[in-house]
């Protein structure tokens, strides 16, 4: 019986030590300075990622924009919009009185 109670005390002591370590590590992981430093590092990495993506994507977008013939495309769209606006305008429709 004494051996069993001694083993129980030893195991309880080990559990207590383990829980103290967990608590101290948990306290450190929520430390304001550490959280601030990690948030700052994440922000810097995010900003650098955006800059890198823009540096890679921008040349392709500019190349595409230079290769497309915009005037015919834009003029077709503007002409379609003007025709639709003329059809929908009450001034373009003949008057009911026959004038």
N, C-alpha and C. Protein backbone atom coordinates (compact mmCIF):
# COMPACT_ATOMS: atom_id res chain seq x y z
N UNK A 1 0.82 -1.19 0.00
CA UNK A 1 0.00 0.00 0.00
C UNK A 1 0.86 1.25 0.00
N UNK A 2 1.96 1.21 0.74
CA UNK A 2 2.85 2.37 0.81
C UNK A 2 3.49 2.61 -0.54
N UNK A 3 3.79 1.53 -1.28
CA UNK A 3 4.39 1.66 -2.60
C UNK A 3 3.41 2.33 -3.58
N UNK A 4 2.14 1.96 -3.48
CA UNK A 4 1.11 2.52 -4.34
C UNK A 4 0.90 3.99 -4.04
N UNK A 5 0.87 4.36 -2.77
CA UNK A 5 0.68 5.77 -2.42
C UNK A 5 1.90 6.60 -2.82
N UNK A 6 3.09 6.03 -2.69
CA UNK A 6 4.30 6.74 -3.11
C UNK A 6 4.30 6.94 -4.63
N UNK A 7 3.86 5.96 -5.37
CA UNK A 7 3.77 6.06 -6.83
C UNK A 7 2.74 7.12 -7.21
N UNK A 8 1.64 7.16 -6.48
CA UNK A 8 0.60 8.15 -6.73
C UNK A 8 1.13 9.57 -6.48
N UNK A 9 1.86 9.74 -5.40
CA UNK A 9 2.44 11.05 -5.08
C UNK A 9 3.44 11.45 -6.16
N UNK A 10 4.23 10.53 -6.63
CA UNK A 10 5.22 10.83 -7.68
C UNK A 10 4.52 11.23 -8.98
N UNK A 11 3.48 10.51 -9.34
CA UNK A 11 2.75 10.84 -10.56
C UNK A 11 2.04 12.19 -10.45
N UNK A 12 1.48 12.46 -9.27
CA UNK A 12 0.84 13.76 -9.06
C UNK A 12 1.87 14.89 -9.15
N UNK A 13 3.06 14.67 -8.62
CA UNK A 13 4.12 15.67 -8.71
C UNK A 13 4.52 15.90 -10.18
N UNK A 14 4.61 14.83 -10.96
CA UNK A 14 4.94 14.96 -12.38
C UNK A 14 3.85 15.72 -13.13
N UNK A 15 2.59 15.43 -12.80
CA UNK A 15 1.48 16.14 -13.44
C UNK A 15 1.52 17.61 -13.08
N UNK A 16 1.79 17.89 -11.80
CA UNK A 16 1.87 19.28 -11.35
C UNK A 16 3.00 20.02 -12.09
N UNK A 17 4.14 19.42 -12.22
CA UNK A 17 5.27 20.03 -12.94
C UNK A 17 4.92 20.26 -14.40
N UNK A 18 4.29 19.27 -15.02
CA UNK A 18 3.89 19.40 -16.42
C UNK A 18 2.90 20.56 -16.61
N UNK A 19 1.92 20.64 -15.72
CA UNK A 19 0.93 21.71 -15.83
C UNK A 19 1.56 23.09 -15.61
N UNK A 20 2.54 23.18 -14.73
CA UNK A 20 3.25 24.45 -14.54
C UNK A 20 3.98 24.86 -15.82
N UNK A 21 4.64 23.90 -16.46
CA UNK A 21 5.34 24.19 -17.71
C UNK A 21 4.37 24.64 -18.80
N UNK A 22 3.25 23.96 -18.91
CA UNK A 22 2.25 24.32 -19.91
C UNK A 22 1.72 25.72 -19.64
N UNK A 23 1.46 26.01 -18.38
CA UNK A 23 0.94 27.33 -18.02
C UNK A 23 1.95 28.43 -18.34
N UNK A 24 3.22 28.21 -18.04
CA UNK A 24 4.22 29.24 -18.32
C UNK A 24 4.42 29.43 -19.82
N UNK A 25 4.37 28.35 -20.59
CA UNK A 25 4.49 28.48 -22.04
C UNK A 25 3.27 29.16 -22.62
N UNK A 26 2.10 28.88 -22.08
CA UNK A 26 0.87 29.52 -22.55
C UNK A 26 0.90 31.01 -22.22
N UNK A 27 1.41 31.35 -21.05
CA UNK A 27 1.52 32.76 -20.67
C UNK A 27 2.48 33.48 -21.62
N UNK A 28 3.58 32.83 -21.99
CA UNK A 28 4.55 33.45 -22.89
C UNK A 28 3.98 33.62 -24.30
N UNK A 29 3.16 32.66 -24.74
CA UNK A 29 2.61 32.74 -26.09
C UNK A 29 1.58 33.86 -26.21
N UNK A 30 1.00 34.29 -25.09
CA UNK A 30 0.04 35.39 -25.11
C UNK A 30 0.66 36.70 -24.63
N UNK A 31 1.97 36.75 -24.54
CA UNK A 31 2.66 37.95 -24.07
C UNK A 31 2.47 39.07 -25.10
N UNK A 32 2.11 40.28 -24.67
CA UNK A 32 1.82 41.36 -25.62
C UNK A 32 2.97 41.70 -26.56
N UNK A 33 4.19 41.66 -26.06
CA UNK A 33 5.34 41.98 -26.91
C UNK A 33 5.50 40.92 -28.00
N UNK A 34 5.33 39.67 -27.64
CA UNK A 34 5.46 38.59 -28.62
C UNK A 34 4.35 38.67 -29.66
N UNK A 35 3.12 38.90 -29.20
CA UNK A 35 2.00 39.00 -30.13
C UNK A 35 2.20 40.18 -31.08
N UNK A 36 2.68 41.30 -30.56
CA UNK A 36 2.93 42.48 -31.40
C UNK A 36 4.03 42.20 -32.42
N UNK A 37 5.10 41.56 -31.98
CA UNK A 37 6.20 41.25 -32.90
C UNK A 37 5.75 40.30 -34.00
N UNK A 38 4.98 39.29 -33.65
CA UNK A 38 4.50 38.34 -34.65
C UNK A 38 3.54 39.02 -35.62
N UNK A 39 2.66 39.89 -35.11
CA UNK A 39 1.74 40.61 -35.98
C UNK A 39 2.49 41.54 -36.93
N UNK A 40 3.52 42.19 -36.44
CA UNK A 40 4.35 43.06 -37.28
C UNK A 40 5.02 42.26 -38.38
N UNK A 41 5.59 41.11 -38.01
CA UNK A 41 6.26 40.27 -39.01
C UNK A 41 5.27 39.77 -40.06
N UNK A 42 4.06 39.41 -39.64
CA UNK A 42 3.05 38.98 -40.61
C UNK A 42 2.69 40.11 -41.55
N UNK A 43 2.56 41.33 -41.03
CA UNK A 43 2.24 42.48 -41.86
C UNK A 43 3.32 42.77 -42.88
N UNK A 44 4.58 42.69 -42.45
CA UNK A 44 5.70 42.92 -43.37
C UNK A 44 5.71 41.85 -44.46
N UNK A 45 5.49 40.60 -44.08
CA UNK A 45 5.48 39.51 -45.07
C UNK A 45 4.32 39.69 -46.05
N UNK A 46 3.16 40.12 -45.55
CA UNK A 46 2.01 40.34 -46.42
C UNK A 46 2.29 41.46 -47.41
N UNK A 47 2.86 42.56 -46.93
CA UNK A 47 3.20 43.68 -47.80
C UNK A 47 4.22 43.29 -48.86
N UNK A 48 5.22 42.53 -48.47
CA UNK A 48 6.23 42.10 -49.44
C UNK A 48 5.62 41.15 -50.47
N UNK A 49 4.67 40.34 -50.04
CA UNK A 49 3.99 39.44 -50.98
C UNK A 49 3.19 40.22 -52.00
N UNK A 50 2.52 41.28 -51.56
CA UNK A 50 1.75 42.10 -52.49
C UNK A 50 2.68 42.77 -53.50
N UNK A 51 3.79 43.30 -53.01
CA UNK A 51 4.74 43.96 -53.91
C UNK A 51 5.31 42.95 -54.92
N UNK A 52 5.65 41.77 -54.45
CA UNK A 52 6.19 40.75 -55.36
C UNK A 52 5.14 40.34 -56.39
N UNK A 53 3.90 40.16 -55.97
CA UNK A 53 2.84 39.79 -56.91
C UNK A 53 2.62 40.90 -57.93
N UNK A 54 2.64 42.14 -57.48
CA UNK A 54 2.45 43.26 -58.41
C UNK A 54 3.61 43.33 -59.40
N UNK A 55 4.82 43.08 -58.93
CA UNK A 55 5.98 43.12 -59.82
C UNK A 55 5.94 42.00 -60.86
N UNK A 56 5.32 40.90 -60.53
CA UNK A 56 5.22 39.79 -61.47
C UNK A 56 4.02 39.97 -62.40
N UNK A 57 2.89 40.43 -61.89
CA UNK A 57 1.66 40.52 -62.66
C UNK A 57 1.62 41.77 -63.54
N UNK A 58 2.13 42.89 -63.05
CA UNK A 58 2.02 44.16 -63.78
C UNK A 58 2.60 44.10 -65.19
N UNK A 59 3.78 43.53 -65.41
CA UNK A 59 4.28 43.48 -66.79
C UNK A 59 3.37 42.70 -67.74
N UNK A 60 2.77 41.62 -67.26
CA UNK A 60 1.86 40.85 -68.11
C UNK A 60 0.60 41.65 -68.43
N UNK A 61 0.08 42.37 -67.46
CA UNK A 61 -1.11 43.18 -67.69
C UNK A 61 -0.80 44.30 -68.69
N UNK A 62 0.33 44.96 -68.51
CA UNK A 62 0.71 46.02 -69.44
C UNK A 62 0.94 45.48 -70.85
N UNK A 63 1.57 44.34 -70.95
CA UNK A 63 1.78 43.72 -72.27
C UNK A 63 0.44 43.43 -72.93
N UNK A 64 -0.51 42.89 -72.16
CA UNK A 64 -1.83 42.58 -72.71
C UNK A 64 -2.54 43.86 -73.16
N UNK A 65 -2.48 44.90 -72.35
CA UNK A 65 -3.15 46.14 -72.71
C UNK A 65 -2.55 46.78 -73.97
N UNK A 66 -1.25 46.63 -74.15
CA UNK A 66 -0.62 47.18 -75.35
C UNK A 66 -0.97 46.36 -76.60
N UNK A 67 -1.23 45.09 -76.42
CA UNK A 67 -1.49 44.23 -77.58
C UNK A 67 -2.94 44.27 -78.06
N UNK A 68 -3.86 44.79 -77.25
CA UNK A 68 -5.28 44.84 -77.63
C UNK A 68 -5.55 46.13 -78.40
N UNK A 69 -6.29 46.00 -79.47
CA UNK A 69 -6.67 47.17 -80.27
C UNK A 69 -7.89 47.80 -79.60
N UNK A 70 -7.67 48.81 -78.78
CA UNK A 70 -8.75 49.40 -77.99
C UNK A 70 -9.71 50.29 -78.78
N UNK A 71 -9.29 51.13 -79.68
CA UNK A 71 -10.25 52.05 -80.33
C UNK A 71 -11.43 51.35 -80.99
N UNK A 72 -11.24 50.30 -81.78
CA UNK A 72 -12.42 49.65 -82.36
C UNK A 72 -13.32 49.03 -81.28
N UNK A 73 -12.73 48.47 -80.27
CA UNK A 73 -13.51 47.84 -79.21
C UNK A 73 -14.32 48.89 -78.46
N UNK A 74 -13.69 49.97 -78.10
CA UNK A 74 -14.38 51.02 -77.35
C UNK A 74 -15.43 51.71 -78.22
N UNK A 75 -15.11 51.95 -79.48
CA UNK A 75 -16.08 52.63 -80.34
C UNK A 75 -17.32 51.77 -80.56
N UNK A 76 -17.16 50.47 -80.65
CA UNK A 76 -18.31 49.57 -80.81
C UNK A 76 -19.19 49.63 -79.56
N UNK A 77 -18.59 49.60 -78.41
CA UNK A 77 -19.37 49.66 -77.16
C UNK A 77 -20.09 50.99 -77.05
N UNK A 78 -19.41 52.09 -77.35
CA UNK A 78 -20.03 53.41 -77.25
C UNK A 78 -21.17 53.55 -78.25
N UNK A 79 -20.98 53.04 -79.45
CA UNK A 79 -22.04 53.09 -80.46
C UNK A 79 -23.26 52.30 -80.00
N UNK A 80 -23.05 51.12 -79.45
CA UNK A 80 -24.17 50.31 -78.94
C UNK A 80 -24.90 51.04 -77.81
N UNK A 81 -24.17 51.67 -76.92
CA UNK A 81 -24.80 52.40 -75.82
C UNK A 81 -25.61 53.57 -76.37
N UNK A 82 -25.08 54.30 -77.33
CA UNK A 82 -25.80 55.45 -77.91
C UNK A 82 -27.09 54.98 -78.57
N UNK A 83 -27.04 53.89 -79.33
CA UNK A 83 -28.25 53.38 -79.99
C UNK A 83 -29.30 52.95 -78.96
N UNK A 84 -28.86 52.30 -77.91
CA UNK A 84 -29.81 51.88 -76.87
C UNK A 84 -30.41 53.08 -76.15
N UNK A 85 -29.62 54.11 -75.92
CA UNK A 85 -30.13 55.31 -75.25
C UNK A 85 -31.13 56.05 -76.16
N UNK A 86 -30.84 56.08 -77.45
CA UNK A 86 -31.76 56.74 -78.38
C UNK A 86 -33.10 56.00 -78.43
N UNK A 87 -33.08 54.69 -78.40
CA UNK A 87 -34.32 53.91 -78.43
C UNK A 87 -35.11 54.09 -77.14
N UNK A 88 -34.44 54.25 -76.03
CA UNK A 88 -35.13 54.37 -74.75
C UNK A 88 -35.55 55.80 -74.44
N UNK A 89 -35.05 56.78 -75.17
CA UNK A 89 -35.35 58.19 -74.89
C UNK A 89 -36.77 58.54 -75.31
N UNK A 90 -37.53 59.24 -74.46
CA UNK A 90 -38.89 59.65 -74.85
C UNK A 90 -38.87 60.73 -75.92
N UNK A 91 -37.80 61.46 -76.08
CA UNK A 91 -37.71 62.50 -77.11
C UNK A 91 -37.55 61.91 -78.50
N UNK A 92 -37.02 60.73 -78.60
CA UNK A 92 -36.81 60.11 -79.90
C UNK A 92 -38.07 59.44 -80.44
N UNK A 93 -39.08 59.21 -79.61
CA UNK A 93 -40.30 58.55 -80.04
C UNK A 93 -41.27 59.60 -80.59
N UNK A 94 -42.04 59.25 -81.64
CA UNK A 94 -42.99 60.20 -82.21
C UNK A 94 -44.10 60.50 -81.20
N UNK A 95 -44.60 61.72 -81.29
CA UNK A 95 -45.65 62.18 -80.36
C UNK A 95 -46.96 61.50 -80.70
N UNK A 96 -47.84 61.34 -79.73
CA UNK A 96 -49.11 60.65 -79.92
C UNK A 96 -50.08 61.51 -80.72
N UNK A 97 -49.88 62.83 -80.79
CA UNK A 97 -50.77 63.71 -81.51
C UNK A 97 -50.52 63.75 -83.00
N UNK A 98 -49.54 63.05 -83.50
CA UNK A 98 -49.28 62.97 -84.92
C UNK A 98 -48.33 64.04 -85.42
N UNK A 99 -47.69 64.76 -84.57
CA UNK A 99 -46.77 65.81 -85.02
C UNK A 99 -45.41 65.30 -85.29
